[in-house]
Amino acid sequence: MEKRNSQVINTILIVLGGGMLIYTIAAENPERYIQILGFIIIMLGLYRATNHWVETKDDHKETEEEQESKDEI
């Protein structure tokens, strides 16, 4: 359950940061601090997401091994 919550938080950070960047691009007089904050938030979300993917990249192998051992029994 913790992995799923982490992915939801990462997605929210990426979408929030992207929304802030799009807002500053579309605004007539963009606020530089909002743009910088949006960039930082999107990069934080991407950093967290890639770390999560690296940690869980072999989870499917463990699941397949457990399934195979159950099938043998």
Protein backbone atom coordinates (compact mmCIF):
# COMPACT_ATOMS: atom_id res chain seq x y z
CA MET A 1 0.00 0.00 0.00
CA GLU A 2 2.92 2.32 0.72
CA LYS A 3 4.18 1.98 -2.86
CA ARG A 4 0.81 3.01 -4.27
CA ASN A 5 0.64 6.08 -2.02
CA SER A 6 4.14 7.06 -3.06
CA GLN A 7 3.20 6.88 -6.73
CA VAL A 8 0.10 9.01 -6.12
CA ILE A 9 2.20 11.66 -4.35
CA ASN A 10 4.73 11.62 -7.20
CA THR A 11 1.98 12.04 -9.77
CA ILE A 12 0.42 14.92 -7.84
CA LEU A 13 3.79 16.68 -7.59
CA ILE A 14 4.43 16.30 -11.32
CA VAL A 15 0.95 17.52 -12.29
CA LEU A 16 1.07 20.41 -9.82
CA GLY A 17 4.50 21.52 -11.01
CA GLY A 18 3.45 21.20 -14.64
CA GLY A 19 0.30 23.21 -13.98
CA MET A 20 2.31 25.97 -12.36
CA LEU A 21 4.69 26.08 -15.32
CA ILE A 22 1.84 26.17 -17.84
CA TYR A 23 0.19 28.96 -15.85
CA THR A 24 3.34 31.07 -15.91
CA ILE A 25 3.78 30.47 -19.64
CA ALA A 26 0.18 31.48 -20.38
CA ALA A 27 0.15 34.51 -18.07
CA GLU A 28 0.66 37.95 -19.57
CA ASN A 29 3.03 39.01 -16.79
CA PRO A 30 4.52 35.76 -15.46
CA GLU A 31 5.72 35.68 -11.88
CA ARG A 32 9.27 34.31 -11.90
CA TYR A 33 9.02 32.89 -8.38
CA ILE A 34 5.97 30.80 -9.29
CA GLN A 35 7.77 29.58 -12.38
CA ILE A 36 10.85 28.59 -10.36
CA LEU A 37 8.70 26.92 -7.70
CA GLY A 38 6.79 24.98 -10.37
CA PHE A 39 10.04 23.81 -11.89
CA ILE A 40 11.35 22.70 -8.48
CA ILE A 41 8.11 20.83 -7.71
CA ILE A 42 8.07 19.02 -11.05
CA MET A 43 11.73 18.04 -10.67
CA LEU A 44 11.08 16.77 -7.13
CA GLY A 45 8.20 14.63 -8.40
CA LEU A 46 10.32 13.24 -11.23
CA TYR A 47 13.21 12.52 -8.87
CA ARG A 48 10.93 10.66 -6.44
CA ALA A 49 9.29 8.73 -9.28
CA THR A 50 12.57 7.58 -10.81
CA ASN A 51 13.88 6.49 -7.40
CA HIS A 52 10.67 4.52 -6.87
CA TRP A 53 11.00 2.86 -10.29
CA VAL A 54 14.61 1.89 -9.60
CA GLU A 55 13.68 0.37 -6.23
CA THR A 56 10.79 -1.66 -7.65
CA LYS A 57 12.13 -2.61 -11.09
CA ASP A 58 12.58 -6.27 -10.14
CA ASP A 59 9.33 -6.70 -8.20
CA HIS A 60 7.69 -8.49 -11.13
CA LYS A 61 10.42 -11.15 -11.04
CA GLU A 62 9.74 -11.89 -7.37
CA THR A 63 6.03 -12.14 -8.08
CA GLU A 64 6.64 -14.56 -10.96
CA GLU A 65 8.92 -16.71 -8.78
CA GLU A 66 6.29 -16.88 -6.03
CA GLN A 67 3.65 -17.83 -8.58
CA GLU A 68 5.86 -20.56 -10.04
CA SER A 69 6.58 -22.02 -6.59
CA LYS A 70 2.84 -22.07 -5.82
CA ASP A 71 2.14 -23.80 -9.13
CA GLU A 72 4.72 -26.51 -8.38
CA ILE A 73 3.06 -27.35 -5.08
